[in-house]
PDB file of all heavy atoms in Angstrom:
ATOM      1  N   PHE A   1       0.852  -1.195   0.020  1.00  0.00           N
ATOM      2  CA  PHE A   1      -0.022  -0.006   0.039  1.00  0.00           C
ATOM      3  C   PHE A   1       0.872   1.215   0.032  1.00  0.00           C
ATOM      4  O   PHE A   1       2.052   1.186   0.367  1.00  0.00           O
ATOM      5  CB  PHE A   1      -0.887  -0.018   1.248  1.00  0.00           C
ATOM      6  CG  PHE A   1      -1.889  -1.170   1.266  1.00  0.00           C
ATOM      7  CD1 PHE A   1      -1.481  -2.362   1.670  1.00  0.00           C
ATOM      8  CD2 PHE A   1      -3.225  -0.896   0.934  1.00  0.00           C
ATOM      9  CE1 PHE A   1      -2.408  -3.386   1.670  1.00  0.00           C
ATOM     10  CE2 PHE A   1      -4.139  -1.876   0.993  1.00  0.00           C
ATOM     11  CZ  PHE A   1      -3.771  -3.173   1.382  1.00  0.00           C
ATOM     12  N   ARG A   2       0.281   2.382  -0.310  1.00  0.00           N
ATOM     13  CA  ARG A   2       1.063   3.603  -0.274  1.00  0.00           C
ATOM     14  C   ARG A   2       0.089   4.754   0.117  1.00  0.00           C
ATOM     15  O   ARG A   2      -1.064   4.716  -0.130  1.00  0.00           O
ATOM     16  CB  ARG A   2       1.805   3.911  -1.589  1.00  0.00           C
ATOM     17  CG  ARG A   2       0.907   4.307  -2.746  1.00  0.00           C
ATOM     18  CD  ARG A   2       1.615   4.414  -4.002  1.00  0.00           C
ATOM     19  NE  ARG A   2       0.840   4.725  -5.153  1.00  0.00           N
ATOM     20  CZ  ARG A   2       1.298   4.799  -6.413  1.00  0.00           C
ATOM     21  NH1 ARG A   2       2.495   4.519  -6.714  1.00  0.00           N
ATOM     22  NH2 ARG A   2       0.483   5.201  -7.402  1.00  0.00           N
ATOM     23  N   GLN A   3       0.664   5.832   0.718  1.00  0.00           N
ATOM     24  CA  GLN A   3      -0.136   6.969   1.138  1.00  0.00           C
ATOM     25  C   GLN A   3       0.770   8.156   0.836  1.00  0.00           C
ATOM     26  O   GLN A   3       1.814   8.398   1.338  1.00  0.00           O
ATOM     27  CB  GLN A   3      -0.482   6.929   2.532  1.00  0.00           C
ATOM     28  CG  GLN A   3      -1.468   8.068   2.837  1.00  0.00           C
ATOM     29  CD  GLN A   3      -2.179   7.809   4.201  1.00  0.00           C
ATOM     30  OE1 GLN A   3      -1.670   7.062   5.108  1.00  0.00           O
ATOM     31  NE2 GLN A   3      -3.298   8.430   4.442  1.00  0.00           N
ATOM     32  N   ALA A   4       0.203   9.134  -0.036  1.00  0.00           N
ATOM     33  CA  ALA A   4       0.876  10.362  -0.319  1.00  0.00           C
ATOM     34  C   ALA A   4       0.238  11.430   0.578  1.00  0.00           C
ATOM     35  O   ALA A   4      -0.904  11.255   0.938  1.00  0.00           O
ATOM     36  CB  ALA A   4       0.740  10.667  -1.770  1.00  0.00           C
ATOM     37  N   PRO A   5       0.902  12.539   0.803  1.00  0.00           N
ATOM     38  CA  PRO A   5       0.352  13.575   1.594  1.00  0.00           C
ATOM     39  C   PRO A   5      -0.931  14.113   1.016  1.00  0.00           C
ATOM     40  O   PRO A   5      -1.108  14.344  -0.134  1.00  0.00           O
ATOM     41  CB  PRO A   5       1.451  14.711   1.523  1.00  0.00           C
ATOM     42  CG  PRO A   5       2.738  13.961   1.278  1.00  0.00           C
ATOM     43  CD  PRO A   5       2.338  12.795   0.408  1.00  0.00           C
ATOM     44  N   GLY A   6      -1.975  14.158   1.885  1.00  0.00           N
ATOM     45  CA  GLY A   6      -3.237  14.703   1.509  1.00  0.00           C
ATOM     46  C   GLY A   6      -4.154  13.684   0.787  1.00  0.00           C
ATOM     47  O   GLY A   6      -5.230  14.112   0.342  1.00  0.00           O
ATOM     48  N   LYS A   7      -3.685  12.517   0.719  1.00  0.00           N
ATOM     49  CA  LYS A   7      -4.468  11.406  -0.054  1.00  0.00           C
ATOM     50  C   LYS A   7      -4.704  10.311   0.923  1.00  0.00           C
ATOM     51  O   LYS A   7      -3.946  10.076   1.839  1.00  0.00           O
ATOM     52  CB  LYS A   7      -3.719  11.031  -1.295  1.00  0.00           C
ATOM     53  CG  LYS A   7      -3.542  12.084  -2.297  1.00  0.00           C
ATOM     54  CD  LYS A   7      -2.909  11.522  -3.532  1.00  0.00           C
ATOM     55  CE  LYS A   7      -3.829  10.571  -4.349  1.00  0.00           C
ATOM     56  NZ  LYS A   7      -3.179  10.130  -5.578  1.00  0.00           N
ATOM     57  N   GLU A   8      -5.712   9.542   0.592  1.00  0.00           N
ATOM     58  CA  GLU A   8      -6.045   8.317   1.279  1.00  0.00           C
ATOM     59  C   GLU A   8      -5.043   7.261   0.928  1.00  0.00           C
ATOM     60  O   GLU A   8      -4.463   7.250  -0.142  1.00  0.00           O
ATOM     61  CB  GLU A   8      -7.445   7.808   0.970  1.00  0.00           C
ATOM     62  CG  GLU A   8      -8.601   8.710   1.467  1.00  0.00           C
ATOM     63  CD  GLU A   8      -9.926   8.139   1.253  1.00  0.00           C
ATOM     64  OE1 GLU A   8     -10.075   7.273   0.498  1.00  0.00           O
ATOM     65  OE2 GLU A   8     -10.886   8.632   1.908  1.00  0.00           O
ATOM     66  N   ARG A   9      -4.811   6.282   1.916  1.00  0.00           N
ATOM     67  CA  ARG A   9      -3.961   5.121   1.600  1.00  0.00           C
ATOM     68  C   ARG A   9      -4.718   4.278   0.475  1.00  0.00           C
ATOM     69  O   ARG A   9      -5.842   4.053   0.489  1.00  0.00           O
ATOM     70  CB  ARG A   9      -3.837   4.254   2.856  1.00  0.00           C
ATOM     71  CG  ARG A   9      -2.980   3.091   2.708  1.00  0.00           C
ATOM     72  CD  ARG A   9      -2.493   2.529   4.048  1.00  0.00           C
ATOM     73  NE  ARG A   9      -3.629   2.227   4.918  1.00  0.00           N
ATOM     74  CZ  ARG A   9      -3.504   1.945   6.203  1.00  0.00           C
ATOM     75  NH1 ARG A   9      -2.325   2.061   6.745  1.00  0.00           N
ATOM     76  NH2 ARG A   9      -4.513   1.671   6.912  1.00  0.00           N
ATOM     77  N   GLU A  10      -3.875   3.866  -0.437  1.00  0.00           N
ATOM     78  CA  GLU A  10      -4.384   3.045  -1.518  1.00  0.00           C
ATOM     79  C   GLU A  10      -3.567   1.805  -1.663  1.00  0.00           C
ATOM     80  O   GLU A  10      -2.346   1.665  -1.408  1.00  0.00           O
ATOM     81  CB  GLU A  10      -4.307   3.827  -2.846  1.00  0.00           C
ATOM     82  CG  GLU A  10      -2.893   4.177  -3.265  1.00  0.00           C
ATOM     83  CD  GLU A  10      -2.828   4.846  -4.695  1.00  0.00           C
ATOM     84  OE1 GLU A  10      -3.745   4.624  -5.451  1.00  0.00           O
ATOM     85  OE2 GLU A  10      -1.824   5.491  -4.942  1.00  0.00           O
ATOM     86  N   GLY A  11      -4.229   0.761  -2.114  1.00  0.00           N
ATOM     87  CA  GLY A  11      -3.588  -0.455  -2.463  1.00  0.00           C
ATOM     88  C   GLY A  11      -2.827  -0.395  -3.749  1.00  0.00           C
ATOM     89  O   GLY A  11      -3.272   0.181  -4.775  1.00  0.00           O
ATOM     90  N   VAL A  12      -1.562  -0.788  -3.746  1.00  0.00           N
ATOM     91  CA  VAL A  12      -0.660  -0.742  -4.922  1.00  0.00           C
ATOM     92  C   VAL A  12      -0.697  -2.068  -5.610  1.00  0.00           C
ATOM     93  O   VAL A  12      -0.786  -2.155  -6.774  1.00  0.00           O
ATOM     94  CB  VAL A  12       0.738  -0.348  -4.546  1.00  0.00           C
ATOM     95  CG1 VAL A  12       1.712  -0.329  -5.745  1.00  0.00           C
ATOM     96  CG2 VAL A  12       0.728   1.036  -3.913  1.00  0.00           C
ATOM     97  N   SER A  13      -0.410  -3.134  -4.880  1.00  0.00           N
ATOM     98  CA  SER A  13      -0.315  -4.440  -5.502  1.00  0.00           C
ATOM     99  C   SER A  13      -0.502  -5.511  -4.430  1.00  0.00           C
ATOM    100  O   SER A  13      -0.180  -5.312  -3.283  1.00  0.00           O
ATOM    101  CB  SER A  13       1.078  -4.625  -6.140  1.00  0.00           C
ATOM    102  OG  SER A  13       1.192  -5.843  -6.808  1.00  0.00           O
ATOM    103  N   GLY A  14      -1.070  -6.716  -4.868  1.00  0.00           N
ATOM    104  CA  GLY A  14      -1.240  -7.798  -3.950  1.00  0.00           C
ATOM    105  C   GLY A  14      -0.752  -9.067  -4.598  1.00  0.00           C
ATOM    106  O   GLY A  14      -0.702  -9.218  -5.792  1.00  0.00           O
ATOM    107  N   ILE A  15      -0.509 -10.074  -3.715  1.00  0.00           N
ATOM    108  CA  ILE A  15      -0.006 -11.386  -4.202  1.00  0.00           C
ATOM    109  C   ILE A  15      -0.582 -12.426  -3.310  1.00  0.00           C
ATOM    110  O   ILE A  15      -0.708 -12.308  -2.077  1.00  0.00           O
ATOM    111  CB  ILE A  15       1.590 -11.344  -4.156  1.00  0.00           C
ATOM    112  CG1 ILE A  15       2.032 -12.664  -4.873  1.00  0.00           C
ATOM    113  CG2 ILE A  15       2.113 -11.216  -2.792  1.00  0.00           C
ATOM    114  CD1 ILE A  15       3.595 -12.536  -5.247  1.00  0.00           C
ATOM    115  N   SER A  16      -0.960 -13.554  -3.961  1.00  0.00           N
ATOM    116  CA  SER A  16      -1.522 -14.640  -3.244  1.00  0.00           C
ATOM    117  C   SER A  16      -0.570 -15.394  -2.371  1.00  0.00           C
ATOM    118  O   SER A  16       0.655 -15.118  -2.444  1.00  0.00           O
ATOM    119  CB  SER A  16      -2.287 -15.604  -4.212  1.00  0.00           C
ATOM    120  OG  SER A  16      -1.289 -16.151  -5.070  1.00  0.00           O
ATOM    121  N   VAL A  17      -1.054 -16.284  -1.514  1.00  0.00           N
ATOM    122  CA  VAL A  17      -0.220 -17.085  -0.556  1.00  0.00           C
ATOM    123  C   VAL A  17       0.883 -17.732  -1.301  1.00  0.00           C
ATOM    124  O   VAL A  17       2.108 -17.697  -0.862  1.00  0.00           O
ATOM    125  CB  VAL A  17      -1.075 -18.021   0.226  1.00  0.00           C
ATOM    126  CG1 VAL A  17      -0.156 -18.963   0.974  1.00  0.00           C
ATOM    127  CG2 VAL A  17      -2.009 -17.280   1.124  1.00  0.00           C
ATOM    128  N   SER A  18       0.681 -18.370  -2.422  1.00  0.00           N
ATOM    129  CA  SER A  18       1.666 -19.112  -3.118  1.00  0.00           C
ATOM    130  C   SER A  18       2.559 -18.287  -4.042  1.00  0.00           C
ATOM    131  O   SER A  18       3.566 -18.709  -4.458  1.00  0.00           O
ATOM    132  CB  SER A  18       0.999 -20.253  -3.909  1.00  0.00           C
ATOM    133  OG  SER A  18       0.255 -19.679  -5.015  1.00  0.00           O
ATOM    134  N   GLY A  19       2.074 -17.087  -4.298  1.00  0.00           N
ATOM    135  CA  GLY A  19       2.727 -16.185  -5.267  1.00  0.00           C
ATOM    136  C   GLY A  19       2.287 -16.457  -6.713  1.00  0.00           C
ATOM    137  O   GLY A  19       2.822 -15.766  -7.648  1.00  0.00           O
ATOM    138  N   GLY A  20       1.283 -17.339  -6.859  1.00  0.00           N
ATOM    139  CA  GLY A  20       0.842 -17.701  -8.207  1.00  0.00           C
ATOM    140  C   GLY A  20      -0.025 -16.657  -8.864  1.00  0.00           C
ATOM    141  O   GLY A  20      -0.288 -16.717 -10.090  1.00  0.00           O
ATOM    142  N   SER A  21      -0.674 -15.699  -8.054  1.00  0.00           N
ATOM    143  CA  SER A  21      -1.547 -14.755  -8.545  1.00  0.00           C
ATOM    144  C   SER A  21      -1.180 -13.370  -8.046  1.00  0.00           C
ATOM    145  O   SER A  21      -0.810 -13.245  -6.850  1.00  0.00           O
ATOM    146  CB  SER A  21      -3.021 -15.130  -8.129  1.00  0.00           C
ATOM    147  OG  SER A  21      -3.417 -16.380  -8.636  1.00  0.00           O
ATOM    148  N   THR A  22      -1.285 -12.378  -8.800  1.00  0.00           N
ATOM    149  CA  THR A  22      -0.943 -11.024  -8.465  1.00  0.00           C
ATOM    150  C   THR A  22      -1.994 -10.013  -9.073  1.00  0.00           C
ATOM    151  O   THR A  22      -2.686 -10.384 -10.039  1.00  0.00           O
ATOM    152  CB  THR A  22       0.413 -10.615  -8.997  1.00  0.00           C
ATOM    153  OG1 THR A  22       0.508 -10.719 -10.420  1.00  0.00           O
ATOM    154  CG2 THR A  22       1.513 -11.515  -8.369  1.00  0.00           C
ATOM    155  N   ASP A  23      -2.061  -8.907  -8.518  1.00  0.00           N
ATOM    156  CA  ASP A  23      -2.949  -7.797  -8.998  1.00  0.00           C
ATOM    157  C   ASP A  23      -2.244  -6.458  -8.708  1.00  0.00           C
ATOM    158  O   ASP A  23      -1.479  -6.359  -7.817  1.00  0.00           O
ATOM    159  CB  ASP A  23      -4.316  -7.943  -8.435  1.00  0.00           C
ATOM    160  CG  ASP A  23      -5.365  -7.267  -9.335  1.00  0.00           C
ATOM    161  OD1 ASP A  23      -5.107  -6.823 -10.465  1.00  0.00           O
ATOM    162  OD2 ASP A  23      -6.543  -7.132  -8.907  1.00  0.00           O
ATOM    163  N   TYR A  24      -2.643  -5.501  -9.520  1.00  0.00           N
ATOM    164  CA  TYR A  24      -2.030  -4.191  -9.428  1.00  0.00           C
ATOM    165  C   TYR A  24      -3.099  -3.079  -9.586  1.00  0.00           C
ATOM    166  O   TYR A  24      -4.018  -3.252 -10.327  1.00  0.00           O
ATOM    167  CB  TYR A  24      -0.999  -3.953 -10.547  1.00  0.00           C
ATOM    168  CG  TYR A  24       0.102  -5.021 -10.530  1.00  0.00           C
ATOM    169  CD1 TYR A  24      -0.011  -6.227 -11.122  1.00  0.00           C
ATOM    170  CD2 TYR A  24       1.288  -4.762  -9.790  1.00  0.00           C
ATOM    171  CE1 TYR A  24       1.024  -7.135 -11.087  1.00  0.00           C
ATOM    172  CE2 TYR A  24       2.343  -5.725  -9.775  1.00  0.00           C
ATOM    173  CZ  TYR A  24       2.177  -6.876 -10.401  1.00  0.00           C
ATOM    174  OH  TYR A  24       3.163  -7.770 -10.305  1.00  0.00           O
ATOM    175  N   ALA A  25      -2.830  -1.973  -8.907  1.00  0.00           N
ATOM    176  CA  ALA A  25      -3.603  -0.760  -9.118  1.00  0.00           C
ATOM    177  C   ALA A  25      -3.405  -0.333 -10.594  1.00  0.00           C
ATOM    178  O   ALA A  25      -2.355  -0.407 -11.141  1.00  0.00           O
ATOM    179  CB  ALA A  25      -3.236   0.267  -8.183  1.00  0.00           C
ATOM    180  N   ASP A  26      -4.440   0.300 -11.156  1.00  0.00           N
ATOM    181  CA  ASP A  26      -4.314   0.786 -12.533  1.00  0.00           C
ATOM    182  C   ASP A  26      -3.104   1.784 -12.682  1.00  0.00           C
ATOM    183  O   ASP A  26      -2.431   1.767 -13.719  1.00  0.00           O
ATOM    184  CB  ASP A  26      -5.568   1.419 -12.936  1.00  0.00           C
ATOM    185  CG  ASP A  26      -6.764   0.515 -13.188  1.00  0.00           C
ATOM    186  OD1 ASP A  26      -6.422  -0.720 -13.355  1.00  0.00           O
ATOM    187  OD2 ASP A  26      -7.871   0.934 -13.247  1.00  0.00           O
ATOM    188  N   SER A  27      -2.884   2.525 -11.632  1.00  0.00           N
ATOM    189  CA  SER A  27      -1.836   3.579 -11.717  1.00  0.00           C
ATOM    190  C   SER A  27      -0.416   2.979 -11.869  1.00  0.00           C
ATOM    191  O   SER A  27       0.533   3.615 -12.285  1.00  0.00           O
ATOM    192  CB  SER A  27      -1.955   4.420 -10.461  1.00  0.00           C
ATOM    193  OG  SER A  27      -1.750   3.721  -9.336  1.00  0.00           O
ATOM    194  N   VAL A  28      -0.235   1.680 -11.498  1.00  0.00           N
ATOM    195  CA  VAL A  28       1.107   1.079 -11.538  1.00  0.00           C
ATOM    196  C   VAL A  28       1.153  -0.083 -12.435  1.00  0.00           C
ATOM    197  O   VAL A  28       2.241  -0.677 -12.614  1.00  0.00           O
ATOM    198  CB  VAL A  28       1.511   0.715 -10.154  1.00  0.00           C
ATOM    199  CG1 VAL A  28       1.595   1.873  -9.196  1.00  0.00           C
ATOM    200  CG2 VAL A  28       0.794  -0.473  -9.553  1.00  0.00           C
ATOM    201  N   LYS A  29      -0.043  -0.482 -12.948  1.00  0.00           N
ATOM    202  CA  LYS A  29       0.033  -1.706 -13.841  1.00  0.00           C
ATOM    203  C   LYS A  29       0.926  -1.569 -15.061  1.00  0.00           C
ATOM    204  O   LYS A  29       0.893  -0.533 -15.722  1.00  0.00           O
ATOM    205  CB  LYS A  29      -1.445  -1.975 -14.282  1.00  0.00           C
ATOM    206  CG  LYS A  29      -1.702  -3.349 -14.916  1.00  0.00           C
ATOM    207  CD  LYS A  29      -3.193  -3.597 -15.076  1.00  0.00           C
ATOM    208  CE  LYS A  29      -3.906  -3.625 -13.711  1.00  0.00           C
ATOM    209  NZ  LYS A  29      -5.311  -3.940 -13.776  1.00  0.00           N
ATOM    210  N   GLY A  30       1.676  -2.522 -15.286  1.00  0.00           N
ATOM    211  CA  GLY A  30       2.673  -2.531 -16.349  1.00  0.00           C
ATOM    212  C   GLY A  30       4.023  -1.872 -16.012  1.00  0.00           C
ATOM    213  O   GLY A  30       4.975  -1.943 -16.741  1.00  0.00           O
ATOM    214  N   ARG A  31       4.048  -1.263 -14.810  1.00  0.00           N
ATOM    215  CA  ARG A  31       5.350  -0.606 -14.390  1.00  0.00           C
ATOM    216  C   ARG A  31       5.869  -1.343 -13.150  1.00  0.00           C
ATOM    217  O   ARG A  31       7.151  -1.300 -12.960  1.00  0.00           O
ATOM    218  CB  ARG A  31       5.130   0.852 -14.123  1.00  0.00           C
ATOM    219  CG  ARG A  31       4.608   1.695 -15.269  1.00  0.00           C
ATOM    220  CD  ARG A  31       4.723   3.183 -14.928  1.00  0.00           C
ATOM    221  NE  ARG A  31       3.778   3.485 -13.851  1.00  0.00           N
ATOM    222  CZ  ARG A  31       4.215   3.987 -12.691  1.00  0.00           C
ATOM    223  NH1 ARG A  31       5.411   4.122 -12.360  1.00  0.00           N
ATOM    224  NH2 ARG A  31       3.298   4.317 -11.722  1.00  0.00           N
ATOM    225  N   PHE A  32       5.035  -1.837 -12.296  1.00  0.00           N
ATOM    226  CA  PHE A  32       5.496  -2.425 -11.010  1.00  0.00           C
ATOM    227  C   PHE A  32       5.323  -3.998 -11.164  1.00  0.00           C
ATOM    228  O   PHE A  32       4.431  -4.497 -11.804  1.00  0.00           O
ATOM    229  CB  PHE A  32       4.619  -2.030  -9.861  1.00  0.00           C
ATOM    230  CG  PHE A  32       4.978  -0.606  -9.371  1.00  0.00           C
ATOM    231  CD1 PHE A  32       5.474   0.366 -10.223  1.00  0.00           C
ATOM    232  CD2 PHE A  32       4.698  -0.269  -8.027  1.00  0.00           C
ATOM    233  CE1 PHE A  32       5.767   1.639  -9.671  1.00  0.00           C
ATOM    234  CE2 PHE A  32       4.951   0.943  -7.525  1.00  0.00           C
ATOM    235  CZ  PHE A  32       5.458   1.942  -8.371  1.00  0.00           C
ATOM    236  N   THR A  33       6.200  -4.684 -10.365  1.00  0.00           N
ATOM    237  CA  THR A  33       6.105  -6.101 -10.302  1.00  0.00           C
ATOM    238  C   THR A  33       6.201  -6.537  -8.798  1.00  0.00           C
ATOM    239  O   THR A  33       7.055  -6.161  -8.028  1.00  0.00           O
ATOM    240  CB  THR A  33       7.217  -6.860 -11.056  1.00  0.00           C
ATOM    241  OG1 THR A  33       7.136  -6.520 -12.419  1.00  0.00           O
ATOM    242  CG2 THR A  33       7.106  -8.364 -10.879  1.00  0.00           C
ATOM    243  N   ILE A  34       5.265  -7.298  -8.367  1.00  0.00           N
ATOM    244  CA  ILE A  34       5.237  -7.816  -7.003  1.00  0.00           C
ATOM    245  C   ILE A  34       5.646  -9.276  -7.063  1.00  0.00           C
ATOM    246  O   ILE A  34       5.295 -10.021  -7.928  1.00  0.00           O
ATOM    247  CB  ILE A  34       3.878  -7.677  -6.281  1.00  0.00           C
ATOM    248  CG1 ILE A  34       3.960  -7.948  -4.825  1.00  0.00           C
ATOM    249  CG2 ILE A  34       2.793  -8.445  -6.987  1.00  0.00           C
ATOM    250  CD1 ILE A  34       2.677  -7.687  -3.998  1.00  0.00           C
ATOM    251  N   SER A  35       6.438  -9.648  -6.101  1.00  0.00           N
ATOM    252  CA  SER A  35       6.896 -11.112  -5.982  1.00  0.00           C
ATOM    253  C   SER A  35       7.173 -11.419  -4.505  1.00  0.00           C
ATOM    254  O   SER A  35       7.212 -10.610  -3.661  1.00  0.00           O
ATOM    255  CB  SER A  35       8.142 -11.328  -6.826  1.00  0.00           C
ATOM    256  OG  SER A  35       9.224 -10.562  -6.395  1.00  0.00           O
ATOM    257  N   ARG A  36       7.280 -12.747  -4.236  1.00  0.00           N
ATOM    258  CA  ARG A  36       7.579 -13.193  -2.891  1.00  0.00           C
ATOM    259  C   ARG A  36       8.383 -14.371  -2.936  1.00  0.00           C
ATOM    260  O   ARG A  36       8.372 -15.179  -3.851  1.00  0.00           O
ATOM    261  CB  ARG A  36       6.230 -13.438  -2.115  1.00  0.00           C
ATOM    262  CG  ARG A  36       5.395 -14.610  -2.579  1.00  0.00           C
ATOM    263  CD  ARG A  36       4.073 -14.668  -1.904  1.00  0.00           C
ATOM    264  NE  ARG A  36       4.174 -14.982  -0.497  1.00  0.00           N
ATOM    265  CZ  ARG A  36       3.096 -14.833   0.360  1.00  0.00           C
ATOM    266  NH1 ARG A  36       1.955 -14.298  -0.038  1.00  0.00           N
ATOM    267  NH2 ARG A  36       3.345 -15.136   1.645  1.00  0.00           N
ATOM    268  N   ASP A  37       9.235 -14.523  -1.869  1.00  0.00           N
ATOM    269  CA  ASP A  37      10.061 -15.708  -1.667  1.00  0.00           C
ATOM    270  C   ASP A  37       9.727 -16.301  -0.360  1.00  0.00           C
ATOM    271  O   ASP A  37      10.074 -15.842   0.677  1.00  0.00           O
ATOM    272  CB  ASP A  37      11.575 -15.240  -1.715  1.00  0.00           C
ATOM    273  CG  ASP A  37      12.519 -16.431  -1.554  1.00  0.00           C
ATOM    274  OD1 ASP A  37      12.065 -17.526  -1.248  1.00  0.00           O
ATOM    275  OD2 ASP A  37      13.721 -16.279  -1.889  1.00  0.00           O
ATOM    276  N   ASN A  38       8.833 -17.248  -0.433  1.00  0.00           N
ATOM    277  CA  ASN A  38       8.333 -17.862   0.905  1.00  0.00           C
ATOM    278  C   ASN A  38       9.467 -18.486   1.668  1.00  0.00           C
ATOM    279  O   ASN A  38       9.322 -18.604   2.876  1.00  0.00           O
ATOM    280  CB  ASN A  38       7.205 -18.840   0.559  1.00  0.00           C
ATOM    281  CG  ASN A  38       5.879 -18.143   0.125  1.00  0.00           C
ATOM    282  OD1 ASN A  38       5.781 -16.907   0.325  1.00  0.00           O
ATOM    283  ND2 ASN A  38       4.954 -18.900  -0.326  1.00  0.00           N
ATOM    284  N   ALA A  39      10.478 -19.094   1.037  1.00  0.00           N
ATOM    285  CA  ALA A  39      11.570 -19.710   1.776  1.00  0.00           C
ATOM    286  C   ALA A  39      12.327 -18.690   2.539  1.00  0.00           C
ATOM    287  O   ALA A  39      12.910 -19.009   3.609  1.00  0.00           O
ATOM    288  CB  ALA A  39      12.493 -20.369   0.758  1.00  0.00           C
ATOM    289  N   GLU A  40      12.290 -17.401   2.210  1.00  0.00           N
ATOM    290  CA  GLU A  40      12.929 -16.338   2.958  1.00  0.00           C
ATOM    291  C   GLU A  40      11.993 -15.381   3.645  1.00  0.00           C
ATOM    292  O   GLU A  40      12.485 -14.339   4.232  1.00  0.00           O
ATOM    293  CB  GLU A  40      13.880 -15.514   1.898  1.00  0.00           C
ATOM    294  CG  GLU A  40      14.944 -16.340   1.257  1.00  0.00           C
ATOM    295  CD  GLU A  40      16.014 -16.857   2.243  1.00  0.00           C
ATOM    296  OE1 GLU A  40      16.273 -16.193   3.269  1.00  0.00           O
ATOM    297  OE2 GLU A  40      16.594 -17.910   2.037  1.00  0.00           O
ATOM    298  N   ASN A  41      10.815 -15.694   3.662  1.00  0.00           N
ATOM    299  CA  ASN A  41       9.737 -14.818   4.331  1.00  0.00           C
ATOM    300  C   ASN A  41       9.816 -13.349   3.904  1.00  0.00           C
ATOM    301  O   ASN A  41       9.692 -12.428   4.618  1.00  0.00           O
ATOM    302  CB  ASN A  41       9.939 -14.839   5.817  1.00  0.00           C
ATOM    303  CG  ASN A  41       9.479 -16.143   6.447  1.00  0.00           C
ATOM    304  OD1 ASN A  41       9.115 -17.120   5.835  1.00  0.00           O
ATOM    305  ND2 ASN A  41       9.433 -16.209   7.793  1.00  0.00           N
ATOM    306  N   THR A  42       9.984 -13.211   2.598  1.00  0.00           N
ATOM    307  CA  THR A  42      10.289 -11.884   1.998  1.00  0.00           C
ATOM    308  C   THR A  42       9.358 -11.534   0.812  1.00  0.00           C
ATOM    309  O   THR A  42       9.107 -12.400  -0.003  1.00  0.00           O
ATOM    310  CB  THR A  42      11.696 -11.764   1.557  1.00  0.00           C
ATOM    311  OG1 THR A  42      12.542 -11.983   2.701  1.00  0.00           O
ATOM    312  CG2 THR A  42      12.015 -10.306   1.053  1.00  0.00           C
TER     313      THR A  42
END
């Protein structure tokens, strides 16, 4: 999530438990990539 001054907090990107599914806010779609490494809790 992110929050800019004077704006509400917004969701940027999410990822499923396994990492197999992702979603992005329209404002960052195509520019941002979310990923996770479950072995490293990261």
